[in-house]
Amino acid sequence: MHRTDSQDNTLVKSYILLPLILSAFEHDASVLSSELRTPAPYLEVIQSAVHAAAADLQEVRAGMRARGLKVYEQQRLEAGVEAKYICRGYHERMLLLDDVINAQAALQMRRYLGLERLG
C-alpha cells in the first residue's frame, strides 16, 4: 500500500488552504474598502499579502507537478474540506477539519500580513 510522505501532505494541505486564504483576503479587502474612511493603507497591506500568498500557491502547484501530485476533487463537507488526489499513480484522500483550517489559515494570514515573521 502506498502512503504519501510528509512533503506530499504539506503540498496538498497548502493547495487546499491557500485558495481559502486568498478568498478571505479578497473578501476582507472588499469589506474594508466600503466600510473605512481611509481604506488605502489597509488595502495595500492586504494586497501585499495576496501577492505573497499567490506566489506561494504557484510554488505549491509547481512542487506538486514535480512530485506527481494532482488534486482531482475537492468538496465541502459538514466537518471540513475533503480532497481526493493522485500521488504518483495512487489515489489518496485528505480531510481537513474546519478547526484545523481556521487555525492554520489564521496563522498563515498573520504571517502574510507581517504580524508574525516567517520561519
N, C-alpha and C. Protein backbone atom coordinates (compact mmCIF):
# COMPACT_ATOMS: atom_id res chain seq x y z
N MET A 1 0.83 -1.18 0.00
CA MET A 1 0.00 0.00 0.00
C MET A 1 0.88 1.25 0.00
N HIS A 2 0.55 2.20 -0.83
CA HIS A 2 1.32 3.43 -0.97
C HIS A 2 0.84 4.48 0.03
N ARG A 3 1.75 5.16 0.66
CA ARG A 3 1.40 6.26 1.55
C ARG A 3 2.19 7.49 1.12
N THR A 4 1.52 8.62 1.15
CA THR A 4 2.21 9.86 0.82
C THR A 4 3.14 10.23 1.95
N ASP A 5 4.24 10.91 1.62
CA ASP A 5 5.16 11.34 2.68
C ASP A 5 4.77 12.74 3.17
N SER A 6 5.49 13.22 4.16
CA SER A 6 5.10 14.48 4.80
C SER A 6 5.17 15.67 3.84
N GLN A 7 6.13 15.66 2.91
CA GLN A 7 6.21 16.76 1.95
C GLN A 7 5.00 16.74 1.01
N ASP A 8 4.58 15.54 0.60
CA ASP A 8 3.38 15.43 -0.23
C ASP A 8 2.17 15.98 0.52
N ASN A 9 2.03 15.58 1.79
CA ASN A 9 0.91 16.04 2.60
C ASN A 9 0.93 17.56 2.77
N THR A 10 2.09 18.11 2.99
CA THR A 10 2.23 19.56 3.15
C THR A 10 1.81 20.28 1.88
N LEU A 11 2.22 19.76 0.74
CA LEU A 11 1.84 20.39 -0.54
C LEU A 11 0.33 20.35 -0.75
N VAL A 12 -0.27 19.20 -0.52
CA VAL A 12 -1.72 19.07 -0.72
C VAL A 12 -2.47 19.97 0.26
N LYS A 13 -2.02 19.99 1.50
CA LYS A 13 -2.66 20.84 2.51
C LYS A 13 -2.56 22.32 2.10
N SER A 14 -1.40 22.74 1.64
CA SER A 14 -1.22 24.12 1.18
C SER A 14 -2.08 24.41 -0.04
N TYR A 15 -2.20 23.43 -0.92
CA TYR A 15 -3.02 23.57 -2.12
C TYR A 15 -4.49 23.81 -1.75
N ILE A 16 -4.93 23.21 -0.65
CA ILE A 16 -6.30 23.40 -0.17
C ILE A 16 -6.44 24.74 0.56
N LEU A 17 -5.47 25.05 1.43
CA LEU A 17 -5.57 26.23 2.28
C LEU A 17 -5.36 27.56 1.55
N LEU A 18 -4.38 27.61 0.67
CA LEU A 18 -4.03 28.90 0.06
C LEU A 18 -5.18 29.56 -0.72
N PRO A 19 -5.96 28.82 -1.50
CA PRO A 19 -7.11 29.48 -2.15
C PRO A 19 -8.13 30.01 -1.14
N LEU A 20 -8.29 29.31 -0.02
CA LEU A 20 -9.21 29.79 1.02
C LEU A 20 -8.69 31.08 1.64
N ILE A 21 -7.37 31.14 1.84
CA ILE A 21 -6.74 32.35 2.38
C ILE A 21 -6.88 33.51 1.40
N LEU A 22 -6.65 33.24 0.11
CA LEU A 22 -6.79 34.28 -0.90
C LEU A 22 -8.23 34.81 -0.94
N SER A 23 -9.19 33.91 -0.85
CA SER A 23 -10.60 34.34 -0.84
C SER A 23 -10.91 35.19 0.39
N ALA A 24 -10.36 34.80 1.53
CA ALA A 24 -10.59 35.57 2.76
C ALA A 24 -10.00 36.97 2.63
N PHE A 25 -8.78 37.07 2.09
CA PHE A 25 -8.17 38.38 1.90
C PHE A 25 -9.00 39.24 0.95
N GLU A 26 -9.48 38.65 -0.14
CA GLU A 26 -10.27 39.40 -1.11
C GLU A 26 -11.59 39.87 -0.48
N HIS A 27 -12.22 39.01 0.29
CA HIS A 27 -13.45 39.39 0.97
C HIS A 27 -13.19 40.53 1.96
N ASP A 28 -12.14 40.37 2.75
CA ASP A 28 -11.81 41.39 3.74
C ASP A 28 -11.48 42.73 3.08
N ALA A 29 -10.77 42.70 1.96
CA ALA A 29 -10.44 43.93 1.25
C ALA A 29 -11.71 44.61 0.76
N SER A 30 -12.65 43.83 0.29
CA SER A 30 -13.92 44.39 -0.18
C SER A 30 -14.68 45.06 0.96
N VAL A 31 -14.73 44.40 2.10
CA VAL A 31 -15.42 44.96 3.27
C VAL A 31 -14.72 46.23 3.73
N LEU A 32 -13.39 46.18 3.83
CA LEU A 32 -12.65 47.36 4.30
C LEU A 32 -12.82 48.55 3.37
N SER A 33 -12.81 48.29 2.06
CA SER A 33 -12.90 49.40 1.11
C SER A 33 -14.24 50.10 1.19
N SER A 34 -15.27 49.37 1.60
CA SER A 34 -16.58 50.01 1.68
C SER A 34 -16.91 50.55 3.07
N GLU A 35 -16.20 50.08 4.08
CA GLU A 35 -16.54 50.46 5.46
C GLU A 35 -15.61 51.50 6.09
N LEU A 36 -14.39 51.60 5.62
CA LEU A 36 -13.43 52.51 6.25
C LEU A 36 -13.39 53.86 5.54
N ARG A 37 -13.08 54.85 6.29
CA ARG A 37 -12.97 56.20 5.74
C ARG A 37 -11.71 56.31 4.87
N THR A 38 -10.61 55.73 5.34
CA THR A 38 -9.35 55.76 4.58
C THR A 38 -8.82 54.33 4.43
N PRO A 39 -9.38 53.59 3.49
CA PRO A 39 -9.02 52.19 3.36
C PRO A 39 -7.67 51.93 2.66
N ALA A 40 -7.13 52.91 1.96
CA ALA A 40 -5.94 52.68 1.12
C ALA A 40 -4.78 52.02 1.86
N PRO A 41 -4.34 52.48 3.02
CA PRO A 41 -3.20 51.83 3.68
C PRO A 41 -3.48 50.37 4.04
N TYR A 42 -4.70 50.10 4.47
CA TYR A 42 -5.06 48.73 4.84
C TYR A 42 -5.12 47.83 3.61
N LEU A 43 -5.66 48.38 2.53
CA LEU A 43 -5.76 47.62 1.30
C LEU A 43 -4.37 47.32 0.72
N GLU A 44 -3.44 48.24 0.89
CA GLU A 44 -2.07 47.99 0.41
C GLU A 44 -1.44 46.81 1.16
N VAL A 45 -1.66 46.74 2.46
CA VAL A 45 -1.12 45.64 3.25
C VAL A 45 -1.76 44.32 2.81
N ILE A 46 -3.07 44.34 2.62
CA ILE A 46 -3.76 43.12 2.19
C ILE A 46 -3.32 42.73 0.79
N GLN A 47 -3.15 43.71 -0.09
CA GLN A 47 -2.72 43.41 -1.47
C GLN A 47 -1.33 42.79 -1.48
N SER A 48 -0.46 43.27 -0.62
CA SER A 48 0.88 42.68 -0.49
C SER A 48 0.78 41.23 -0.01
N ALA A 49 -0.10 40.99 0.94
CA ALA A 49 -0.32 39.63 1.45
C ALA A 49 -0.89 38.73 0.36
N VAL A 50 -1.80 39.26 -0.45
CA VAL A 50 -2.38 38.50 -1.55
C VAL A 50 -1.29 38.10 -2.55
N HIS A 51 -0.40 39.03 -2.88
CA HIS A 51 0.68 38.71 -3.83
C HIS A 51 1.58 37.62 -3.27
N ALA A 52 1.90 37.69 -1.99
CA ALA A 52 2.76 36.66 -1.38
C ALA A 52 2.07 35.31 -1.36
N ALA A 53 0.79 35.29 -1.01
CA ALA A 53 0.05 34.02 -0.98
C ALA A 53 -0.10 33.44 -2.38
N ALA A 54 -0.34 34.29 -3.37
CA ALA A 54 -0.48 33.82 -4.75
C ALA A 54 0.85 33.25 -5.25
N ALA A 55 1.95 33.88 -4.88
CA ALA A 55 3.27 33.36 -5.26
C ALA A 55 3.52 32.00 -4.61
N ASP A 56 3.12 31.88 -3.34
CA ASP A 56 3.27 30.59 -2.66
C ASP A 56 2.42 29.52 -3.33
N LEU A 57 1.21 29.88 -3.75
CA LEU A 57 0.34 28.91 -4.42
C LEU A 57 0.97 28.44 -5.73
N GLN A 58 1.61 29.36 -6.46
CA GLN A 58 2.31 28.97 -7.70
C GLN A 58 3.43 27.98 -7.38
N GLU A 59 4.17 28.24 -6.32
CA GLU A 59 5.25 27.33 -5.91
C GLU A 59 4.70 25.96 -5.51
N VAL A 60 3.59 25.97 -4.80
CA VAL A 60 2.96 24.72 -4.39
C VAL A 60 2.54 23.91 -5.62
N ARG A 61 1.92 24.58 -6.57
CA ARG A 61 1.50 23.89 -7.80
C ARG A 61 2.69 23.31 -8.55
N ALA A 62 3.77 24.06 -8.63
CA ALA A 62 4.98 23.56 -9.29
C ALA A 62 5.56 22.37 -8.52
N GLY A 63 5.57 22.47 -7.20
CA GLY A 63 6.05 21.36 -6.38
C GLY A 63 5.20 20.11 -6.55
N MET A 64 3.90 20.31 -6.66
CA MET A 64 3.00 19.17 -6.86
C MET A 64 3.26 18.51 -8.20
N ARG A 65 3.43 19.32 -9.24
CA ARG A 65 3.74 18.74 -10.57
C ARG A 65 5.03 17.95 -10.52
N ALA A 66 6.04 18.51 -9.86
CA ALA A 66 7.35 17.85 -9.79
C ALA A 66 7.28 16.53 -9.03
N ARG A 67 6.38 16.42 -8.07
CA ARG A 67 6.28 15.21 -7.25
C ARG A 67 5.16 14.27 -7.70
N GLY A 68 4.52 14.58 -8.82
CA GLY A 68 3.48 13.70 -9.34
C GLY A 68 2.20 13.72 -8.54
N LEU A 69 1.84 14.89 -8.00
CA LEU A 69 0.62 15.04 -7.21
C LEU A 69 -0.41 15.82 -8.01
N LYS A 70 -1.65 15.37 -7.95
CA LYS A 70 -2.73 16.10 -8.62
C LYS A 70 -4.02 15.94 -7.84
N VAL A 71 -4.55 17.07 -7.38
CA VAL A 71 -5.84 17.06 -6.71
C VAL A 71 -6.90 17.05 -7.81
N TYR A 72 -7.78 16.05 -7.79
CA TYR A 72 -8.79 15.96 -8.84
C TYR A 72 -10.20 16.22 -8.33
N GLU A 73 -10.37 16.32 -7.02
CA GLU A 73 -11.69 16.62 -6.49
C GLU A 73 -11.56 17.22 -5.09
N GLN A 74 -12.32 18.28 -4.86
CA GLN A 74 -12.42 18.87 -3.53
C GLN A 74 -13.90 19.07 -3.25
N GLN A 75 -14.29 18.76 -2.05
CA GLN A 75 -15.67 19.03 -1.69
C GLN A 75 -15.78 19.47 -0.24
N ARG A 76 -16.73 20.33 -0.04
CA ARG A 76 -17.01 20.86 1.29
C ARG A 76 -17.91 19.86 2.00
N LEU A 77 -17.50 19.41 3.16
CA LEU A 77 -18.29 18.52 3.98
C LEU A 77 -18.72 19.28 5.24
N GLU A 78 -19.61 18.70 5.99
CA GLU A 78 -20.06 19.34 7.22
C GLU A 78 -18.90 19.58 8.18
N ALA A 79 -17.95 18.65 8.21
CA ALA A 79 -16.83 18.72 9.15
C ALA A 79 -15.63 19.50 8.62
N GLY A 80 -15.54 19.69 7.31
CA GLY A 80 -14.37 20.36 6.75
C GLY A 80 -14.32 20.24 5.25
N VAL A 81 -13.10 20.12 4.72
CA VAL A 81 -12.88 20.00 3.28
C VAL A 81 -12.17 18.68 3.00
N GLU A 82 -12.73 17.94 2.05
CA GLU A 82 -12.11 16.68 1.63
C GLU A 82 -11.50 16.88 0.25
N ALA A 83 -10.28 16.42 0.10
CA ALA A 83 -9.61 16.47 -1.19
C ALA A 83 -9.24 15.05 -1.58
N LYS A 84 -9.51 14.72 -2.83
CA LYS A 84 -9.07 13.45 -3.39
C LYS A 84 -7.97 13.79 -4.39
N TYR A 85 -6.89 13.03 -4.33
CA TYR A 85 -5.76 13.35 -5.18
C TYR A 85 -5.01 12.10 -5.59
N ILE A 86 -4.21 12.26 -6.62
CA ILE A 86 -3.35 11.18 -7.10
C ILE A 86 -1.92 11.52 -6.69
N CYS A 87 -1.27 10.56 -6.09
CA CYS A 87 0.12 10.71 -5.68
C CYS A 87 0.93 9.63 -6.40
N ARG A 88 1.63 10.06 -7.43
CA ARG A 88 2.44 9.15 -8.23
C ARG A 88 1.68 7.88 -8.61
N GLY A 89 0.45 8.08 -9.09
CA GLY A 89 -0.35 6.97 -9.60
C GLY A 89 -1.31 6.35 -8.59
N TYR A 90 -1.19 6.67 -7.32
CA TYR A 90 -2.05 6.10 -6.29
C TYR A 90 -3.09 7.13 -5.85
N HIS A 91 -4.31 6.67 -5.70
CA HIS A 91 -5.39 7.56 -5.24
C HIS A 91 -5.32 7.70 -3.73
N GLU A 92 -5.38 8.94 -3.27
CA GLU A 92 -5.31 9.25 -1.84
C GLU A 92 -6.45 10.19 -1.49
N ARG A 93 -6.64 10.40 -0.21
CA ARG A 93 -7.70 11.27 0.30
C ARG A 93 -7.17 12.03 1.50
N MET A 94 -7.55 13.30 1.61
CA MET A 94 -7.18 14.11 2.77
C MET A 94 -8.43 14.84 3.24
N LEU A 95 -8.65 14.84 4.54
CA LEU A 95 -9.75 15.58 5.14
C LEU A 95 -9.16 16.60 6.09
N LEU A 96 -9.44 17.86 5.82
CA LEU A 96 -9.02 18.93 6.73
C LEU A 96 -10.26 19.41 7.47
N LEU A 97 -10.24 19.25 8.78
CA LEU A 97 -11.37 19.66 9.60
C LEU A 97 -11.41 21.19 9.70
N ASP A 98 -12.61 21.72 9.88
CA ASP A 98 -12.78 23.18 9.94
C ASP A 98 -11.90 23.83 11.00
N ASP A 99 -11.77 23.19 12.16
CA ASP A 99 -10.93 23.76 13.22
C ASP A 99 -9.48 23.88 12.76
N VAL A 100 -8.99 22.87 12.07
CA VAL A 100 -7.62 22.88 11.55
C VAL A 100 -7.48 23.96 10.48
N ILE A 101 -8.46 24.02 9.58
CA ILE A 101 -8.43 25.03 8.52
C ILE A 101 -8.40 26.43 9.13
N ASN A 102 -9.27 26.69 10.09
CA ASN A 102 -9.33 28.02 10.70
C ASN A 102 -8.03 28.38 11.41
N ALA A 103 -7.48 27.45 12.16
CA ALA A 103 -6.24 27.72 12.89
C ALA A 103 -5.08 27.94 11.94
N GLN A 104 -4.93 27.06 10.95
CA GLN A 104 -3.82 27.19 10.01
C GLN A 104 -3.96 28.44 9.14
N ALA A 105 -5.18 28.72 8.69
CA ALA A 105 -5.41 29.90 7.86
C ALA A 105 -5.10 31.18 8.64
N ALA A 106 -5.54 31.24 9.89
CA ALA A 106 -5.27 32.44 10.71
C ALA A 106 -3.78 32.62 10.92
N LEU A 107 -3.07 31.54 11.18
CA LEU A 107 -1.63 31.61 11.38
C LEU A 107 -0.93 32.09 10.12
N GLN A 108 -1.28 31.51 8.97
CA GLN A 108 -0.64 31.90 7.72
C GLN A 108 -1.02 33.33 7.33
N MET A 109 -2.27 33.71 7.57
CA MET A 109 -2.68 35.08 7.24
C MET A 109 -1.90 36.09 8.07
N ARG A 110 -1.69 35.79 9.34
CA ARG A 110 -0.89 36.69 10.18
C ARG A 110 0.53 36.82 9.62
N ARG A 111 1.10 35.73 9.16
CA ARG A 111 2.44 35.78 8.57
C ARG A 111 2.46 36.63 7.30
N TYR A 112 1.47 36.41 6.44
CA TYR A 112 1.42 37.20 5.20
C TYR A 112 1.22 38.68 5.47
N LEU A 113 0.53 39.00 6.53
CA LEU A 113 0.28 40.40 6.88
C LEU A 113 1.45 41.03 7.65
N GLY A 114 2.48 40.21 7.94
CA GLY A 114 3.65 40.73 8.64
C GLY A 114 3.46 40.81 10.13
N LEU A 115 2.46 40.14 10.65
CA LEU A 115 2.20 40.17 12.10
C LEU A 115 2.98 39.11 12.85
N GLU A 116 3.49 38.15 12.10
CA GLU A 116 4.33 37.10 12.68
C GLU A 116 5.37 36.75 11.62
N ARG A 117 6.60 36.85 11.96
CA ARG A 117 7.68 36.62 11.00
C ARG A 117 7.76 35.16 10.58
N LEU A 118 8.05 34.95 9.29
CA LEU A 118 8.20 33.59 8.76
C LEU A 118 9.48 32.96 9.30
N GLY A 119 9.38 31.67 9.55
CA GLY A 119 10.39 30.76 9.93
C GLY A 119 11.66 31.13 10.43
